[in-house]
Amino acid sequence: MIFPFALLGAAAGTVHFVAISRDANLLARGGSPLAAFGLRLGRALLTLVVLVAAARQGWPVLLGAAGGFMVARQIVLRWLGTVSP
């Protein structure tokens, strides 16, 4: 049960961290404040749903989902070019 939640955490983490990047771009380039707010709200809800669902399965599953989030963070940072290898 840990591995599927680790994959789910990685997928949700990828969406989460890409949304942070898009949100920052909207704010820096003078985009729509409503779109930025929508990205923030969607990101928060997705993260909340995934982590609460994992927590309801027990701490090992929650740890797997959180680990998936952290792996996704590193992948997205490298993909966006903000971290050198």
PDB file of N, CA and C in Angstrom:
ATOM      1  N   MET A   1       0.823  -1.207   0.000  1.00  0.00           N
ATOM      2  CA  MET A   1       0.000   0.000   0.000  1.00  0.00           C
ATOM      3  C   MET A   1       0.859   1.260   0.000  1.00  0.00           C
ATOM      4  N   ILE A   2       2.112   1.146   0.412  1.00  0.00           N
ATOM      5  CA  ILE A   2       2.979   2.319   0.455  1.00  0.00           C
ATOM      6  C   ILE A   2       3.357   2.778  -0.947  1.00  0.00           C
ATOM      7  N   PHE A   3       3.713   1.842  -1.821  1.00  0.00           N
ATOM      8  CA  PHE A   3       4.190   2.200  -3.159  1.00  0.00           C
ATOM      9  C   PHE A   3       3.152   2.969  -3.982  1.00  0.00           C
ATOM     10  N   PRO A   4       1.879   2.550  -4.015  1.00  0.00           N
ATOM     11  CA  PRO A   4       0.900   3.352  -4.781  1.00  0.00           C
ATOM     12  C   PRO A   4       0.760   4.779  -4.245  1.00  0.00           C
ATOM     13  N   PHE A   5       0.842   4.948  -2.933  1.00  0.00           N
ATOM     14  CA  PHE A   5       0.745   6.293  -2.372  1.00  0.00           C
ATOM     15  C   PHE A   5       2.025   7.097  -2.623  1.00  0.00           C
ATOM     16  N   ALA A   6       3.149   6.422  -2.709  1.00  0.00           N
ATOM     17  CA  ALA A   6       4.386   7.127  -3.071  1.00  0.00           C
ATOM     18  C   ALA A   6       4.277   7.646  -4.504  1.00  0.00           C
ATOM     19  N   LEU A   7       3.723   6.833  -5.395  1.00  0.00           N
ATOM     20  CA  LEU A   7       3.506   7.286  -6.778  1.00  0.00           C
ATOM     21  C   LEU A   7       2.475   8.405  -6.835  1.00  0.00           C
ATOM     22  N   LEU A   8       1.409   8.265  -6.064  1.00  0.00           N
ATOM     23  CA  LEU A   8       0.396   9.317  -6.009  1.00  0.00           C
ATOM     24  C   LEU A   8       0.995  10.612  -5.455  1.00  0.00           C
ATOM     25  N   GLY A   9       1.814  10.491  -4.425  1.00  0.00           N
ATOM     26  CA  GLY A   9       2.491  11.654  -3.864  1.00  0.00           C
ATOM     27  C   GLY A   9       3.423  12.300  -4.874  1.00  0.00           C
ATOM     28  N   ALA A  10       4.118  11.480  -5.665  1.00  0.00           N
ATOM     29  CA  ALA A  10       5.010  12.026  -6.687  1.00  0.00           C
ATOM     30  C   ALA A  10       4.221  12.749  -7.768  1.00  0.00           C
ATOM     31  N   ALA A  11       3.101  12.179  -8.181  1.00  0.00           N
ATOM     32  CA  ALA A  11       2.268  12.827  -9.207  1.00  0.00           C
ATOM     33  C   ALA A  11       1.679  14.133  -8.675  1.00  0.00           C
ATOM     34  N   ALA A  12       1.135  14.082  -7.475  1.00  0.00           N
ATOM     35  CA  ALA A  12       0.554  15.294  -6.879  1.00  0.00           C
ATOM     36  C   ALA A  12       1.645  16.322  -6.601  1.00  0.00           C
ATOM     37  N   GLY A  13       2.811  15.864  -6.184  1.00  0.00           N
ATOM     38  CA  GLY A  13       3.922  16.776  -5.938  1.00  0.00           C
ATOM     39  C   GLY A  13       4.388  17.457  -7.216  1.00  0.00           C
ATOM     40  N   THR A  14       4.398  16.724  -8.312  1.00  0.00           N
ATOM     41  CA  THR A  14       4.770  17.321  -9.596  1.00  0.00           C
ATOM     42  C   THR A  14       3.800  18.429  -9.966  1.00  0.00           C
ATOM     43  N   VAL A  15       2.516  18.149  -9.847  1.00  0.00           N
ATOM     44  CA  VAL A  15       1.501  19.169 -10.131  1.00  0.00           C
ATOM     45  C   VAL A  15       1.674  20.349  -9.181  1.00  0.00           C
ATOM     46  N   HIS A  16       1.903  20.067  -7.922  1.00  0.00           N
ATOM     47  CA  HIS A  16       2.057  21.095  -6.897  1.00  0.00           C
ATOM     48  C   HIS A  16       3.206  22.049  -7.224  1.00  0.00           C
ATOM     49  N   PHE A  17       4.374  21.488  -7.513  1.00  0.00           N
ATOM     50  CA  PHE A  17       5.545  22.335  -7.719  1.00  0.00           C
ATOM     51  C   PHE A  17       5.544  23.025  -9.077  1.00  0.00           C
ATOM     52  N   VAL A  18       4.947  22.418 -10.083  1.00  0.00           N
ATOM     53  CA  VAL A  18       4.794  23.108 -11.366  1.00  0.00           C
ATOM     54  C   VAL A  18       3.805  24.262 -11.206  1.00  0.00           C
ATOM     55  N   ALA A  19       2.758  24.060 -10.419  1.00  0.00           N
ATOM     56  CA  ALA A  19       1.788  25.135 -10.167  1.00  0.00           C
ATOM     57  C   ALA A  19       2.437  26.301  -9.427  1.00  0.00           C
ATOM     58  N   ILE A  20       3.360  26.020  -8.522  1.00  0.00           N
ATOM     59  CA  ILE A  20       4.083  27.099  -7.842  1.00  0.00           C
ATOM     60  C   ILE A  20       4.859  27.920  -8.867  1.00  0.00           C
ATOM     61  N   SER A  21       5.499  27.242  -9.798  1.00  0.00           N
ATOM     62  CA  SER A  21       6.260  27.942 -10.833  1.00  0.00           C
ATOM     63  C   SER A  21       5.353  28.805 -11.703  1.00  0.00           C
ATOM     64  N   ARG A  22       4.219  28.264 -12.108  1.00  0.00           N
ATOM     65  CA  ARG A  22       3.275  29.030 -12.936  1.00  0.00           C
ATOM     66  C   ARG A  22       2.712  30.220 -12.163  1.00  0.00           C
ATOM     67  N   ASP A  23       2.427  30.010 -10.903  1.00  0.00           N
ATOM     68  CA  ASP A  23       1.916  31.084 -10.049  1.00  0.00           C
ATOM     69  C   ASP A  23       2.938  32.215  -9.950  1.00  0.00           C
ATOM     70  N   ALA A  24       4.188  31.853  -9.722  1.00  0.00           N
ATOM     71  CA  ALA A  24       5.247  32.863  -9.631  1.00  0.00           C
ATOM     72  C   ALA A  24       5.398  33.617 -10.949  1.00  0.00           C
ATOM     73  N   ASN A  25       5.313  32.894 -12.065  1.00  0.00           N
ATOM     74  CA  ASN A  25       5.405  33.556 -13.372  1.00  0.00           C
ATOM     75  C   ASN A  25       4.242  34.518 -13.584  1.00  0.00           C
ATOM     76  N   LEU A  26       3.055  34.122 -13.196  1.00  0.00           N
ATOM     77  CA  LEU A  26       1.899  35.021 -13.325  1.00  0.00           C
ATOM     78  C   LEU A  26       2.095  36.294 -12.515  1.00  0.00           C
ATOM     79  N   LEU A  27       2.558  36.137 -11.292  1.00  0.00           N
ATOM     80  CA  LEU A  27       2.749  37.301 -10.434  1.00  0.00           C
ATOM     81  C   LEU A  27       3.887  38.193 -10.925  1.00  0.00           C
ATOM     82  N   ALA A  28       4.961  37.590 -11.398  1.00  0.00           N
ATOM     83  CA  ALA A  28       6.123  38.369 -11.843  1.00  0.00           C
ATOM     84  C   ALA A  28       5.864  39.090 -13.160  1.00  0.00           C
ATOM     85  N   ARG A  29       5.056  38.499 -14.019  1.00  0.00           N
ATOM     86  CA  ARG A  29       4.813  39.073 -15.334  1.00  0.00           C
ATOM     87  C   ARG A  29       3.507  39.868 -15.411  1.00  0.00           C
ATOM     88  N   GLY A  30       2.851  40.040 -14.293  1.00  0.00           N
ATOM     89  CA  GLY A  30       1.625  40.839 -14.273  1.00  0.00           C
ATOM     90  C   GLY A  30       0.426  40.125 -14.849  1.00  0.00           C
ATOM     91  N   GLY A  31       0.347  38.821 -14.626  1.00  0.00           N
ATOM     92  CA  GLY A  31      -0.789  38.051 -15.124  1.00  0.00           C
ATOM     93  C   GLY A  31      -2.028  38.264 -14.273  1.00  0.00           C
ATOM     94  N   SER A  32      -3.020  37.472 -14.555  1.00  0.00           N
ATOM     95  CA  SER A  32      -4.300  37.579 -13.870  1.00  0.00           C
ATOM     96  C   SER A  32      -4.197  37.162 -12.400  1.00  0.00           C
ATOM     97  N   PRO A  33      -4.600  38.042 -11.499  1.00  0.00           N
ATOM     98  CA  PRO A  33      -4.603  37.654 -10.080  1.00  0.00           C
ATOM     99  C   PRO A  33      -5.585  36.515  -9.805  1.00  0.00           C
ATOM    100  N   LEU A  34      -6.663  36.465 -10.568  1.00  0.00           N
ATOM    101  CA  LEU A  34      -7.649  35.395 -10.384  1.00  0.00           C
ATOM    102  C   LEU A  34      -7.051  34.040 -10.774  1.00  0.00           C
ATOM    103  N   ALA A  35      -6.271  34.015 -11.846  1.00  0.00           N
ATOM    104  CA  ALA A  35      -5.618  32.769 -12.256  1.00  0.00           C
ATOM    105  C   ALA A  35      -4.598  32.335 -11.206  1.00  0.00           C
ATOM    106  N   ALA A  36      -3.858  33.289 -10.668  1.00  0.00           N
ATOM    107  CA  ALA A  36      -2.878  32.973  -9.624  1.00  0.00           C
ATOM    108  C   ALA A  36      -3.580  32.410  -8.391  1.00  0.00           C
ATOM    109  N   PHE A  37      -4.699  33.013  -8.023  1.00  0.00           N
ATOM    110  CA  PHE A  37      -5.455  32.523  -6.871  1.00  0.00           C
ATOM    111  C   PHE A  37      -5.994  31.112  -7.138  1.00  0.00           C
ATOM    112  N   GLY A  38      -6.475  30.886  -8.353  1.00  0.00           N
ATOM    113  CA  GLY A  38      -6.967  29.553  -8.712  1.00  0.00           C
ATOM    114  C   GLY A  38      -5.881  28.498  -8.624  1.00  0.00           C
ATOM    115  N   LEU A  39      -4.674  28.839  -9.080  1.00  0.00           N
ATOM    116  CA  LEU A  39      -3.555  27.901  -8.969  1.00  0.00           C
ATOM    117  C   LEU A  39      -3.234  27.603  -7.509  1.00  0.00           C
ATOM    118  N   ARG A  40      -3.236  28.624  -6.684  1.00  0.00           N
ATOM    119  CA  ARG A  40      -2.945  28.418  -5.252  1.00  0.00           C
ATOM    120  C   ARG A  40      -3.992  27.533  -4.593  1.00  0.00           C
ATOM    121  N   LEU A  41      -5.246  27.829  -4.876  1.00  0.00           N
ATOM    122  CA  LEU A  41      -6.334  27.060  -4.272  1.00  0.00           C
ATOM    123  C   LEU A  41      -6.299  25.608  -4.740  1.00  0.00           C
ATOM    124  N   GLY A  42      -6.135  25.403  -6.029  1.00  0.00           N
ATOM    125  CA  GLY A  42      -6.077  24.041  -6.565  1.00  0.00           C
ATOM    126  C   GLY A  42      -4.899  23.267  -6.009  1.00  0.00           C
ATOM    127  N   ARG A  43      -3.751  23.924  -5.921  1.00  0.00           N
ATOM    128  CA  ARG A  43      -2.555  23.280  -5.387  1.00  0.00           C
ATOM    129  C   ARG A  43      -2.762  22.878  -3.932  1.00  0.00           C
ATOM    130  N   ALA A  44      -3.333  23.769  -3.148  1.00  0.00           N
ATOM    131  CA  ALA A  44      -3.558  23.480  -1.728  1.00  0.00           C
ATOM    132  C   ALA A  44      -4.561  22.340  -1.547  1.00  0.00           C
ATOM    133  N   LEU A  45      -5.631  22.364  -2.322  1.00  0.00           N
ATOM    134  CA  LEU A  45      -6.649  21.302  -2.199  1.00  0.00           C
ATOM    135  C   LEU A  45      -6.108  19.944  -2.614  1.00  0.00           C
ATOM    136  N   LEU A  46      -5.356  19.905  -3.716  1.00  0.00           N
ATOM    137  CA  LEU A  46      -4.778  18.639  -4.168  1.00  0.00           C
ATOM    138  C   LEU A  46      -3.832  18.073  -3.116  1.00  0.00           C
ATOM    139  N   THR A  47      -2.971  18.917  -2.592  1.00  0.00           N
ATOM    140  CA  THR A  47      -2.022  18.478  -1.563  1.00  0.00           C
ATOM    141  C   THR A  47      -2.758  17.986  -0.326  1.00  0.00           C
ATOM    142  N   LEU A  48      -3.756  18.737   0.102  1.00  0.00           N
ATOM    143  CA  LEU A  48      -4.534  18.357   1.279  1.00  0.00           C
ATOM    144  C   LEU A  48      -5.218  17.006   1.089  1.00  0.00           C
ATOM    145  N   VAL A  49      -5.868  16.811  -0.035  1.00  0.00           N
ATOM    146  CA  VAL A  49      -6.588  15.557  -0.286  1.00  0.00           C
ATOM    147  C   VAL A  49      -5.637  14.366  -0.297  1.00  0.00           C
ATOM    148  N   VAL A  50      -4.514  14.504  -0.983  1.00  0.00           N
ATOM    149  CA  VAL A  50      -3.567  13.385  -1.076  1.00  0.00           C
ATOM    150  C   VAL A  50      -2.967  13.059   0.283  1.00  0.00           C
ATOM    151  N   LEU A  51      -2.525  14.074   1.009  1.00  0.00           N
ATOM    152  CA  LEU A  51      -1.873  13.795   2.294  1.00  0.00           C
ATOM    153  C   LEU A  51      -2.856  13.324   3.358  1.00  0.00           C
ATOM    154  N   VAL A  52      -4.081  13.821   3.351  1.00  0.00           N
ATOM    155  CA  VAL A  52      -5.079  13.335   4.311  1.00  0.00           C
ATOM    156  C   VAL A  52      -5.454  11.887   3.987  1.00  0.00           C
ATOM    157  N   ALA A  53      -5.621  11.585   2.706  1.00  0.00           N
ATOM    158  CA  ALA A  53      -5.937  10.197   2.325  1.00  0.00           C
ATOM    159  C   ALA A  53      -4.809   9.261   2.739  1.00  0.00           C
ATOM    160  N   ALA A  54      -3.575   9.697   2.567  1.00  0.00           N
ATOM    161  CA  ALA A  54      -2.435   8.873   2.976  1.00  0.00           C
ATOM    162  C   ALA A  54      -2.383   8.731   4.495  1.00  0.00           C
ATOM    163  N   ALA A  55      -2.632   9.813   5.208  1.00  0.00           N
ATOM    164  CA  ALA A  55      -2.586   9.768   6.670  1.00  0.00           C
ATOM    165  C   ALA A  55      -3.642   8.829   7.232  1.00  0.00           C
ATOM    166  N   ARG A  56      -4.774   8.744   6.581  1.00  0.00           N
ATOM    167  CA  ARG A  56      -5.838   7.843   7.048  1.00  0.00           C
ATOM    168  C   ARG A  56      -5.455   6.379   6.900  1.00  0.00           C
ATOM    169  N   GLN A  57      -4.425   6.107   6.080  1.00  0.00           N
ATOM    170  CA  GLN A  57      -3.952   4.731   5.888  1.00  0.00           C
ATOM    171  C   GLN A  57      -2.866   4.352   6.894  1.00  0.00           C
ATOM    172  N   GLY A  58      -2.331   5.358   7.581  1.00  0.00           N
ATOM    173  CA  GLY A  58      -1.283   5.089   8.574  1.00  0.00           C
ATOM    174  C   GLY A  58      -0.014   5.853   8.269  1.00  0.00           C
ATOM    175  N   TRP A  59       0.859   5.934   9.267  1.00  0.00           N
ATOM    176  CA  TRP A  59       2.056   6.745   9.108  1.00  0.00           C
ATOM    177  C   TRP A  59       3.023   6.229   8.054  1.00  0.00           C
ATOM    178  N   PRO A  60       3.163   4.899   7.829  1.00  0.00           N
ATOM    179  CA  PRO A  60       4.087   4.478   6.761  1.00  0.00           C
ATOM    180  C   PRO A  60       3.625   4.943   5.374  1.00  0.00           C
ATOM    181  N   VAL A  61       2.322   4.911   5.164  1.00  0.00           N
ATOM    182  CA  VAL A  61       1.778   5.350   3.877  1.00  0.00           C
ATOM    183  C   VAL A  61       1.937   6.865   3.737  1.00  0.00           C
ATOM    184  N   LEU A  62       1.690   7.600   4.810  1.00  0.00           N
ATOM    185  CA  LEU A  62       1.894   9.048   4.782  1.00  0.00           C
ATOM    186  C   LEU A  62       3.355   9.379   4.498  1.00  0.00           C
ATOM    187  N   LEU A  63       4.262   8.647   5.100  1.00  0.00           N
ATOM    188  CA  LEU A  63       5.686   8.859   4.856  1.00  0.00           C
ATOM    189  C   LEU A  63       6.035   8.583   3.391  1.00  0.00           C
ATOM    190  N   GLY A  64       5.426   7.543   2.817  1.00  0.00           N
ATOM    191  CA  GLY A  64       5.646   7.245   1.398  1.00  0.00           C
ATOM    192  C   GLY A  64       5.139   8.358   0.501  1.00  0.00           C
ATOM    193  N   ALA A  65       3.951   8.883   0.799  1.00  0.00           N
ATOM    194  CA  ALA A  65       3.387   9.979   0.000  1.00  0.00           C
ATOM    195  C   ALA A  65       4.237  11.238   0.135  1.00  0.00           C
ATOM    196  N   ALA A  66       4.676  11.538   1.338  1.00  0.00           N
ATOM    197  CA  ALA A  66       5.532  12.715   1.546  1.00  0.00           C
ATOM    198  C   ALA A  66       6.868  12.537   0.839  1.00  0.00           C
ATOM    199  N   GLY A  67       7.382  11.334   0.845  1.00  0.00           N
ATOM    200  CA  GLY A  67       8.614  11.049   0.104  1.00  0.00           C
ATOM    201  C   GLY A  67       8.424  11.253  -1.385  1.00  0.00           C
ATOM    202  N   GLY A  68       7.259  10.847  -1.890  1.00  0.00           N
ATOM    203  CA  GLY A  68       6.947  11.082  -3.302  1.00  0.00           C
ATOM    204  C   GLY A  68       6.915  12.566  -3.626  1.00  0.00           C
ATOM    205  N   PHE A  69       6.360  13.369  -2.721  1.00  0.00           N
ATOM    206  CA  PHE A  69       6.347  14.826  -2.897  1.00  0.00           C
ATOM    207  C   PHE A  69       7.771  15.372  -2.983  1.00  0.00           C
ATOM    208  N   MET A  70       8.645  14.904  -2.103  1.00  0.00           N
ATOM    209  CA  MET A  70      10.007  15.424  -2.073  1.00  0.00           C
ATOM    210  C   MET A  70      10.812  15.004  -3.305  1.00  0.00           C
ATOM    211  N   VAL A  71      10.576  13.781  -3.785  1.00  0.00           N
ATOM    212  CA  VAL A  71      11.232  13.346  -5.023  1.00  0.00           C
ATOM    213  C   VAL A  71      10.736  14.201  -6.188  1.00  0.00           C
ATOM    214  N   ALA A  72       9.440  14.459  -6.231  1.00  0.00           N
ATOM    215  CA  ALA A  72       8.873  15.300  -7.293  1.00  0.00           C
ATOM    216  C   ALA A  72       9.449  16.704  -7.241  1.00  0.00           C
ATOM    217  N   ARG A  73       9.680  17.211  -6.060  1.00  0.00           N
ATOM    218  CA  ARG A  73      10.257  18.553  -5.915  1.00  0.00           C
ATOM    219  C   ARG A  73      11.618  18.614  -6.590  1.00  0.00           C
ATOM    220  N   GLN A  74      12.458  17.634  -6.321  1.00  0.00           N
ATOM    221  CA  GLN A  74      13.788  17.620  -6.924  1.00  0.00           C
ATOM    222  C   GLN A  74      13.712  17.492  -8.445  1.00  0.00           C
ATOM    223  N   ILE A  75      12.828  16.646  -8.920  1.00  0.00           N
ATOM    224  CA  ILE A  75      12.681  16.450 -10.367  1.00  0.00           C
ATOM    225  C   ILE A  75      12.204  17.736 -11.033  1.00  0.00           C
ATOM    226  N   VAL A  76      11.205  18.386 -10.461  1.00  0.00           N
ATOM    227  CA  VAL A  76      10.677  19.622 -11.042  1.00  0.00           C
ATOM    228  C   VAL A  76      11.721  20.725 -11.005  1.00  0.00           C
ATOM    229  N   LEU A  77      12.458  20.857  -9.917  1.00  0.00           N
ATOM    230  CA  LEU A  77      13.506  21.875  -9.836  1.00  0.00           C
ATOM    231  C   LEU A  77      14.573  21.667 -10.901  1.00  0.00           C
ATOM    232  N   ARG A  78      14.971  20.434 -11.119  1.00  0.00           N
ATOM    233  CA  ARG A  78      15.958  20.171 -12.178  1.00  0.00           C
ATOM    234  C   ARG A  78      15.358  20.405 -13.560  1.00  0.00           C
ATOM    235  N   TRP A  79      14.107  20.018 -13.740  1.00  0.00           N
ATOM    236  CA  TRP A  79      13.436  20.182 -15.031  1.00  0.00           C
ATOM    237  C   TRP A  79      13.290  21.665 -15.386  1.00  0.00           C
ATOM    238  N   LEU A  80      12.991  22.474 -14.384  1.00  0.00           N
ATOM    239  CA  LEU A  80      12.845  23.910 -14.622  1.00  0.00           C
ATOM    240  C   LEU A  80      14.196  24.619 -14.715  1.00  0.00           C
ATOM    241  N   GLY A  81      15.258  23.921 -14.390  1.00  0.00           N
ATOM    242  CA  GLY A  81      16.587  24.485 -14.515  1.00  0.00           C
ATOM    243  C   GLY A  81      17.001  25.386 -13.375  1.00  0.00           C
ATOM    244  N   THR A  82      16.381  25.236 -12.224  1.00  0.00           N
ATOM    245  CA  THR A  82      16.725  26.093 -11.095  1.00  0.00           C
ATOM    246  C   THR A  82      17.762  25.457 -10.179  1.00  0.00           C
ATOM    247  N   VAL A  83      18.092  24.199 -10.420  1.00  0.00           N
ATOM    248  CA  VAL A  83      19.101  23.512  -9.618  1.00  0.00           C
ATOM    249  C   VAL A  83      20.073  22.852 -10.579  1.00  0.00           C
ATOM    250  N   SER A  84      21.359  23.079 -10.394  1.00  0.00           N
ATOM    251  CA  SER A  84      22.338  22.433 -11.256  1.00  0.00           C
ATOM    252  C   SER A  84      22.629  21.030 -10.735  1.00  0.00           C
ATOM    253  N   PRO A  85      22.949  20.102 -11.628  1.00  0.00           N
ATOM    254  CA  PRO A  85      23.187  18.696 -11.207  1.00  0.00           C
ATOM    255  C   PRO A  85      24.413  18.506 -10.364  1.00  0.00           C
TER     256      PRO A  85
END
